[in-house]
PDB file of all heavy atoms in Angstrom:
ATOM      1  N   ARG A   1     -14.751 -10.839  -3.719  1.00  0.00           N
ATOM      2  CA  ARG A   1     -13.747  -9.911  -3.191  1.00  0.00           C
ATOM      3  C   ARG A   1     -14.394  -8.891  -2.263  1.00  0.00           C
ATOM      4  O   ARG A   1     -15.551  -8.514  -2.440  1.00  0.00           O
ATOM      5  CB  ARG A   1     -13.040  -9.164  -4.327  1.00  0.00           C
ATOM      6  CG  ARG A   1     -12.185 -10.040  -5.239  1.00  0.00           C
ATOM      7  CD  ARG A   1     -11.593  -9.192  -6.353  1.00  0.00           C
ATOM      8  NE  ARG A   1     -10.788  -9.960  -7.289  1.00  0.00           N
ATOM      9  CZ  ARG A   1      -9.462 -10.107  -7.179  1.00  0.00           C
ATOM     10  NH1 ARG A   1      -8.815  -9.530  -6.174  1.00  0.00           N
ATOM     11  NH2 ARG A   1      -8.783 -10.816  -8.060  1.00  0.00           N
ATOM     12  N   ASP A   2     -13.618  -8.448  -1.285  1.00  0.00           N
ATOM     13  CA  ASP A   2     -13.974  -7.267  -0.521  1.00  0.00           C
ATOM     14  C   ASP A   2     -12.722  -6.413  -0.399  1.00  0.00           C
ATOM     15  O   ASP A   2     -11.746  -6.625  -1.133  1.00  0.00           O
ATOM     16  CB  ASP A   2     -14.577  -7.637   0.848  1.00  0.00           C
ATOM     17  CG  ASP A   2     -13.616  -8.422   1.733  1.00  0.00           C
ATOM     18  OD1 ASP A   2     -12.397  -8.494   1.391  1.00  0.00           O
ATOM     19  OD2 ASP A   2     -14.050  -8.958   2.765  1.00  0.00           O
ATOM     20  N   GLU A   3     -12.719  -5.470   0.513  1.00  0.00           N
ATOM     21  CA  GLU A   3     -11.577  -4.553   0.598  1.00  0.00           C
ATOM     22  C   GLU A   3     -10.288  -5.261   1.030  1.00  0.00           C
ATOM     23  O   GLU A   3      -9.189  -4.720   0.842  1.00  0.00           O
ATOM     24  CB  GLU A   3     -11.883  -3.411   1.577  1.00  0.00           C
ATOM     25  CG  GLU A   3     -12.065  -3.842   3.029  1.00  0.00           C
ATOM     26  CD  GLU A   3     -13.469  -4.331   3.333  1.00  0.00           C
ATOM     27  OE1 GLU A   3     -14.268  -4.466   2.370  1.00  0.00           O
ATOM     28  OE2 GLU A   3     -13.761  -4.570   4.509  1.00  0.00           O
ATOM     29  N   ASP A   4     -10.409  -6.451   1.581  1.00  0.00           N
ATOM     30  CA  ASP A   4      -9.228  -7.194   2.036  1.00  0.00           C
ATOM     31  C   ASP A   4      -8.721  -8.196   1.010  1.00  0.00           C
ATOM     32  O   ASP A   4      -7.713  -8.859   1.247  1.00  0.00           O
ATOM     33  CB  ASP A   4      -9.551  -7.937   3.341  1.00  0.00           C
ATOM     34  CG  ASP A   4      -9.925  -6.997   4.471  1.00  0.00           C
ATOM     35  OD1 ASP A   4      -9.300  -5.922   4.568  1.00  0.00           O
ATOM     36  OD2 ASP A   4     -10.847  -7.322   5.237  1.00  0.00           O
ATOM     37  N   GLY A   5      -9.417  -8.363  -0.109  1.00  0.00           N
ATOM     38  CA  GLY A   5      -9.020  -9.348  -1.107  1.00  0.00           C
ATOM     39  C   GLY A   5     -10.085 -10.397  -1.309  1.00  0.00           C
ATOM     40  O   GLY A   5     -11.285 -10.109  -1.213  1.00  0.00           O
ATOM     41  N   PHE A   6      -9.676 -11.622  -1.573  1.00  0.00           N
ATOM     42  CA  PHE A   6     -10.633 -12.703  -1.794  1.00  0.00           C
ATOM     43  C   PHE A   6     -11.276 -13.098  -0.471  1.00  0.00           C
ATOM     44  O   PHE A   6     -10.575 -13.413   0.503  1.00  0.00           O
ATOM     45  CB  PHE A   6      -9.963 -13.920  -2.431  1.00  0.00           C
ATOM     46  CG  PHE A   6      -9.603 -13.733  -3.879  1.00  0.00           C
ATOM     47  CD1 PHE A   6      -8.278 -13.597  -4.264  1.00  0.00           C
ATOM     48  CD2 PHE A   6     -10.596 -13.672  -4.852  1.00  0.00           C
ATOM     49  CE1 PHE A   6      -7.945 -13.417  -5.595  1.00  0.00           C
ATOM     50  CE2 PHE A   6     -10.272 -13.493  -6.191  1.00  0.00           C
ATOM     51  CZ  PHE A   6      -8.946 -13.359  -6.563  1.00  0.00           C
ATOM     52  N   VAL A   7     -12.604 -13.106  -0.444  1.00  0.00           N
ATOM     53  CA  VAL A   7     -13.332 -13.440   0.780  1.00  0.00           C
ATOM     54  C   VAL A   7     -12.998 -14.854   1.238  1.00  0.00           C
ATOM     55  O   VAL A   7     -12.840 -15.128   2.435  1.00  0.00           O
ATOM     56  CB  VAL A   7     -14.853 -13.276   0.558  1.00  0.00           C
ATOM     57  CG1 VAL A   7     -15.645 -13.816   1.748  1.00  0.00           C
ATOM     58  CG2 VAL A   7     -15.189 -11.803   0.323  1.00  0.00           C
ATOM     59  N   GLY A   8     -12.879 -15.788   0.296  1.00  0.00           N
ATOM     60  CA  GLY A   8     -12.615 -17.172   0.654  1.00  0.00           C
ATOM     61  C   GLY A   8     -11.308 -17.377   1.392  1.00  0.00           C
ATOM     62  O   GLY A   8     -11.162 -18.348   2.151  1.00  0.00           O
ATOM     63  N   ASP A   9     -10.340 -16.457   1.209  1.00  0.00           N
ATOM     64  CA  ASP A   9      -9.058 -16.601   1.902  1.00  0.00           C
ATOM     65  C   ASP A   9      -9.218 -16.503   3.411  1.00  0.00           C
ATOM     66  O   ASP A   9      -8.339 -16.937   4.156  1.00  0.00           O
ATOM     67  CB  ASP A   9      -8.068 -15.542   1.413  1.00  0.00           C
ATOM     68  CG  ASP A   9      -7.569 -15.810   0.001  1.00  0.00           C
ATOM     69  OD1 ASP A   9      -7.757 -16.947  -0.486  1.00  0.00           O
ATOM     70  OD2 ASP A   9      -7.012 -14.894  -0.618  1.00  0.00           O
ATOM     71  N   LYS A  10     -10.321 -15.934   3.874  1.00  0.00           N
ATOM     72  CA  LYS A  10     -10.560 -15.820   5.313  1.00  0.00           C
ATOM     73  C   LYS A  10     -10.876 -17.170   5.951  1.00  0.00           C
ATOM     74  O   LYS A  10     -10.897 -17.284   7.184  1.00  0.00           O
ATOM     75  CB  LYS A  10     -11.722 -14.849   5.581  1.00  0.00           C
ATOM     76  CG  LYS A  10     -11.445 -13.405   5.215  1.00  0.00           C
ATOM     77  CD  LYS A  10     -12.666 -12.542   5.467  1.00  0.00           C
ATOM     78  CE  LYS A  10     -12.353 -11.054   5.321  1.00  0.00           C
ATOM     79  NZ  LYS A  10     -11.945 -10.681   3.985  1.00  0.00           N
ATOM     80  N   ALA A  11     -11.146 -18.189   5.134  1.00  0.00           N
ATOM     81  CA  ALA A  11     -11.485 -19.512   5.659  1.00  0.00           C
ATOM     82  C   ALA A  11     -10.601 -20.592   5.047  1.00  0.00           C
ATOM     83  O   ALA A  11     -11.018 -21.729   4.888  1.00  0.00           O
ATOM     84  CB  ALA A  11     -12.957 -19.824   5.408  1.00  0.00           C
ATOM     85  N   SER A  12      -9.356 -20.268   4.727  1.00  0.00           N
ATOM     86  CA  SER A  12      -8.397 -21.252   4.232  1.00  0.00           C
ATOM     87  C   SER A  12      -7.563 -21.774   5.396  1.00  0.00           C
ATOM     88  O   SER A  12      -7.638 -21.266   6.522  1.00  0.00           O
ATOM     89  CB  SER A  12      -7.476 -20.618   3.190  1.00  0.00           C
ATOM     90  OG  SER A  12      -6.668 -19.614   3.806  1.00  0.00           O
ATOM     91  N   ARG A  13      -6.778 -22.790   5.136  1.00  0.00           N
ATOM     92  CA  ARG A  13      -5.858 -23.307   6.157  1.00  0.00           C
ATOM     93  C   ARG A  13      -4.936 -22.189   6.638  1.00  0.00           C
ATOM     94  O   ARG A  13      -4.659 -22.062   7.833  1.00  0.00           O
ATOM     95  CB  ARG A  13      -5.059 -24.466   5.575  1.00  0.00           C
ATOM     96  CG  ARG A  13      -3.746 -24.796   6.272  1.00  0.00           C
ATOM     97  CD  ARG A  13      -3.912 -25.419   7.636  1.00  0.00           C
ATOM     98  NE  ARG A  13      -2.616 -25.650   8.262  1.00  0.00           N
ATOM     99  CZ  ARG A  13      -2.436 -26.106   9.477  1.00  0.00           C
ATOM    100  NH1 ARG A  13      -3.480 -26.384  10.232  1.00  0.00           N
ATOM    101  NH2 ARG A  13      -1.224 -26.291   9.968  1.00  0.00           N
ATOM    102  N   GLY A  14      -4.488 -21.336   5.721  1.00  0.00           N
ATOM    103  CA  GLY A  14      -3.619 -20.230   6.104  1.00  0.00           C
ATOM    104  C   GLY A  14      -4.307 -19.264   7.044  1.00  0.00           C
ATOM    105  O   GLY A  14      -3.659 -18.648   7.896  1.00  0.00           O
ATOM    106  N   ALA A  15      -5.618 -19.102   6.902  1.00  0.00           N
ATOM    107  CA  ALA A  15      -6.357 -18.196   7.787  1.00  0.00           C
ATOM    108  C   ALA A  15      -6.333 -18.703   9.221  1.00  0.00           C
ATOM    109  O   ALA A  15      -6.223 -17.918  10.167  1.00  0.00           O
ATOM    110  CB  ALA A  15      -7.793 -18.048   7.300  1.00  0.00           C
ATOM    111  N   PHE A  16      -6.438 -20.030   9.391  1.00  0.00           N
ATOM    112  CA  PHE A  16      -6.352 -20.580  10.753  1.00  0.00           C
ATOM    113  C   PHE A  16      -4.985 -20.284  11.356  1.00  0.00           C
ATOM    114  O   PHE A  16      -4.882 -19.895  12.532  1.00  0.00           O
ATOM    115  CB  PHE A  16      -6.609 -22.083  10.756  1.00  0.00           C
ATOM    116  CG  PHE A  16      -6.443 -22.696  12.125  1.00  0.00           C
ATOM    117  CD1 PHE A  16      -7.486 -22.661  13.034  1.00  0.00           C
ATOM    118  CD2 PHE A  16      -5.239 -23.278  12.497  1.00  0.00           C
ATOM    119  CE1 PHE A  16      -7.327 -23.194  14.308  1.00  0.00           C
ATOM    120  CE2 PHE A  16      -5.080 -23.816  13.763  1.00  0.00           C
ATOM    121  CZ  PHE A  16      -6.125 -23.769  14.676  1.00  0.00           C
ATOM    122  N   VAL A  17      -3.940 -20.452  10.565  1.00  0.00           N
ATOM    123  CA  VAL A  17      -2.586 -20.165  11.046  1.00  0.00           C
ATOM    124  C   VAL A  17      -2.481 -18.700  11.467  1.00  0.00           C
ATOM    125  O   VAL A  17      -1.855 -18.373  12.486  1.00  0.00           O
ATOM    126  CB  VAL A  17      -1.546 -20.511   9.965  1.00  0.00           C
ATOM    127  CG1 VAL A  17      -0.158 -20.036  10.377  1.00  0.00           C
ATOM    128  CG2 VAL A  17      -1.534 -22.011   9.697  1.00  0.00           C
ATOM    129  N   GLU A  18      -3.092 -17.804  10.692  1.00  0.00           N
ATOM    130  CA  GLU A  18      -3.057 -16.388  11.034  1.00  0.00           C
ATOM    131  C   GLU A  18      -3.766 -16.111  12.355  1.00  0.00           C
ATOM    132  O   GLU A  18      -3.304 -15.294  13.159  1.00  0.00           O
ATOM    133  CB  GLU A  18      -3.684 -15.562   9.908  1.00  0.00           C
ATOM    134  CG  GLU A  18      -2.840 -15.526   8.640  1.00  0.00           C
ATOM    135  CD  GLU A  18      -3.533 -14.781   7.512  1.00  0.00           C
ATOM    136  OE1 GLU A  18      -4.630 -14.226   7.747  1.00  0.00           O
ATOM    137  OE2 GLU A  18      -2.990 -14.754   6.397  1.00  0.00           O
ATOM    138  N   HIS A  19      -4.901 -16.783  12.584  1.00  0.00           N
ATOM    139  CA  HIS A  19      -5.598 -16.620  13.860  1.00  0.00           C
ATOM    140  C   HIS A  19      -4.704 -17.087  15.017  1.00  0.00           C
ATOM    141  O   HIS A  19      -4.596 -16.406  16.046  1.00  0.00           O
ATOM    142  CB  HIS A  19      -6.898 -17.425  13.868  1.00  0.00           C
ATOM    143  CG  HIS A  19      -8.022 -16.780  13.126  1.00  0.00           C
ATOM    144  ND1 HIS A  19      -8.665 -15.646  13.596  1.00  0.00           N
ATOM    145  CD2 HIS A  19      -8.623 -17.092  11.959  1.00  0.00           C
ATOM    146  CE1 HIS A  19      -9.624 -15.298  12.747  1.00  0.00           C
ATOM    147  NE2 HIS A  19      -9.615 -16.160  11.743  1.00  0.00           N
ATOM    148  N   LEU A  20      -4.080 -18.230  14.841  1.00  0.00           N
ATOM    149  CA  LEU A  20      -3.217 -18.758  15.887  1.00  0.00           C
ATOM    150  C   LEU A  20      -2.020 -17.844  16.128  1.00  0.00           C
ATOM    151  O   LEU A  20      -1.651 -17.563  17.283  1.00  0.00           O
ATOM    152  CB  LEU A  20      -2.739 -20.164  15.498  1.00  0.00           C
ATOM    153  CG  LEU A  20      -1.804 -20.877  16.485  1.00  0.00           C
ATOM    154  CD1 LEU A  20      -2.479 -21.050  17.834  1.00  0.00           C
ATOM    155  CD2 LEU A  20      -1.368 -22.227  15.922  1.00  0.00           C
ATOM    156  N   ASP A  21      -1.436 -17.357  15.048  1.00  0.00           N
ATOM    157  CA  ASP A  21      -0.253 -16.504  15.177  1.00  0.00           C
ATOM    158  C   ASP A  21      -0.591 -15.176  15.844  1.00  0.00           C
ATOM    159  O   ASP A  21       0.201 -14.648  16.634  1.00  0.00           O
ATOM    160  CB  ASP A  21       0.371 -16.272  13.801  1.00  0.00           C
ATOM    161  CG  ASP A  21       1.887 -16.219  13.853  1.00  0.00           C
ATOM    162  OD1 ASP A  21       2.484 -16.908  14.710  1.00  0.00           O
ATOM    163  OD2 ASP A  21       2.470 -15.479  13.049  1.00  0.00           O
ATOM    164  N   ALA A  22      -1.761 -14.626  15.521  1.00  0.00           N
ATOM    165  CA  ALA A  22      -2.170 -13.358  16.146  1.00  0.00           C
ATOM    166  C   ALA A  22      -2.324 -13.521  17.654  1.00  0.00           C
ATOM    167  O   ALA A  22      -1.915 -12.647  18.439  1.00  0.00           O
ATOM    168  CB  ALA A  22      -3.475 -12.868  15.531  1.00  0.00           C
ATOM    169  N   LEU A  23      -2.889 -14.637  18.077  1.00  0.00           N
ATOM    170  CA  LEU A  23      -3.022 -14.904  19.513  1.00  0.00           C
ATOM    171  C   LEU A  23      -1.648 -15.063  20.162  1.00  0.00           C
ATOM    172  O   LEU A  23      -1.392 -14.537  21.259  1.00  0.00           O
ATOM    173  CB  LEU A  23      -3.851 -16.171  19.724  1.00  0.00           C
ATOM    174  CG  LEU A  23      -5.338 -16.064  19.392  1.00  0.00           C
ATOM    175  CD1 LEU A  23      -5.958 -17.461  19.303  1.00  0.00           C
ATOM    176  CD2 LEU A  23      -6.068 -15.229  20.435  1.00  0.00           C
ATOM    177  N   ARG A  24      -0.761 -15.752  19.484  1.00  0.00           N
ATOM    178  CA  ARG A  24       0.583 -15.960  20.037  1.00  0.00           C
ATOM    179  C   ARG A  24       1.360 -14.650  20.125  1.00  0.00           C
ATOM    180  O   ARG A  24       2.167 -14.455  21.047  1.00  0.00           O
ATOM    181  CB  ARG A  24       1.337 -16.981  19.194  1.00  0.00           C
ATOM    182  CG  ARG A  24       0.734 -18.388  19.251  1.00  0.00           C
ATOM    183  CD  ARG A  24       1.559 -19.360  18.430  1.00  0.00           C
ATOM    184  NE  ARG A  24       2.879 -19.546  19.020  1.00  0.00           N
ATOM    185  CZ  ARG A  24       3.898 -20.134  18.375  1.00  0.00           C
ATOM    186  NH1 ARG A  24       3.741 -20.560  17.119  1.00  0.00           N
ATOM    187  NH2 ARG A  24       5.069 -20.282  18.965  1.00  0.00           N
TER     188      ARG A  24
END
């Protein structure tokens, strides 16, 4: 964990979607 929650969540399939959505 860090201040944002579970560290591993930054490299899940959902994390890729978040990167794409932020760009869009």
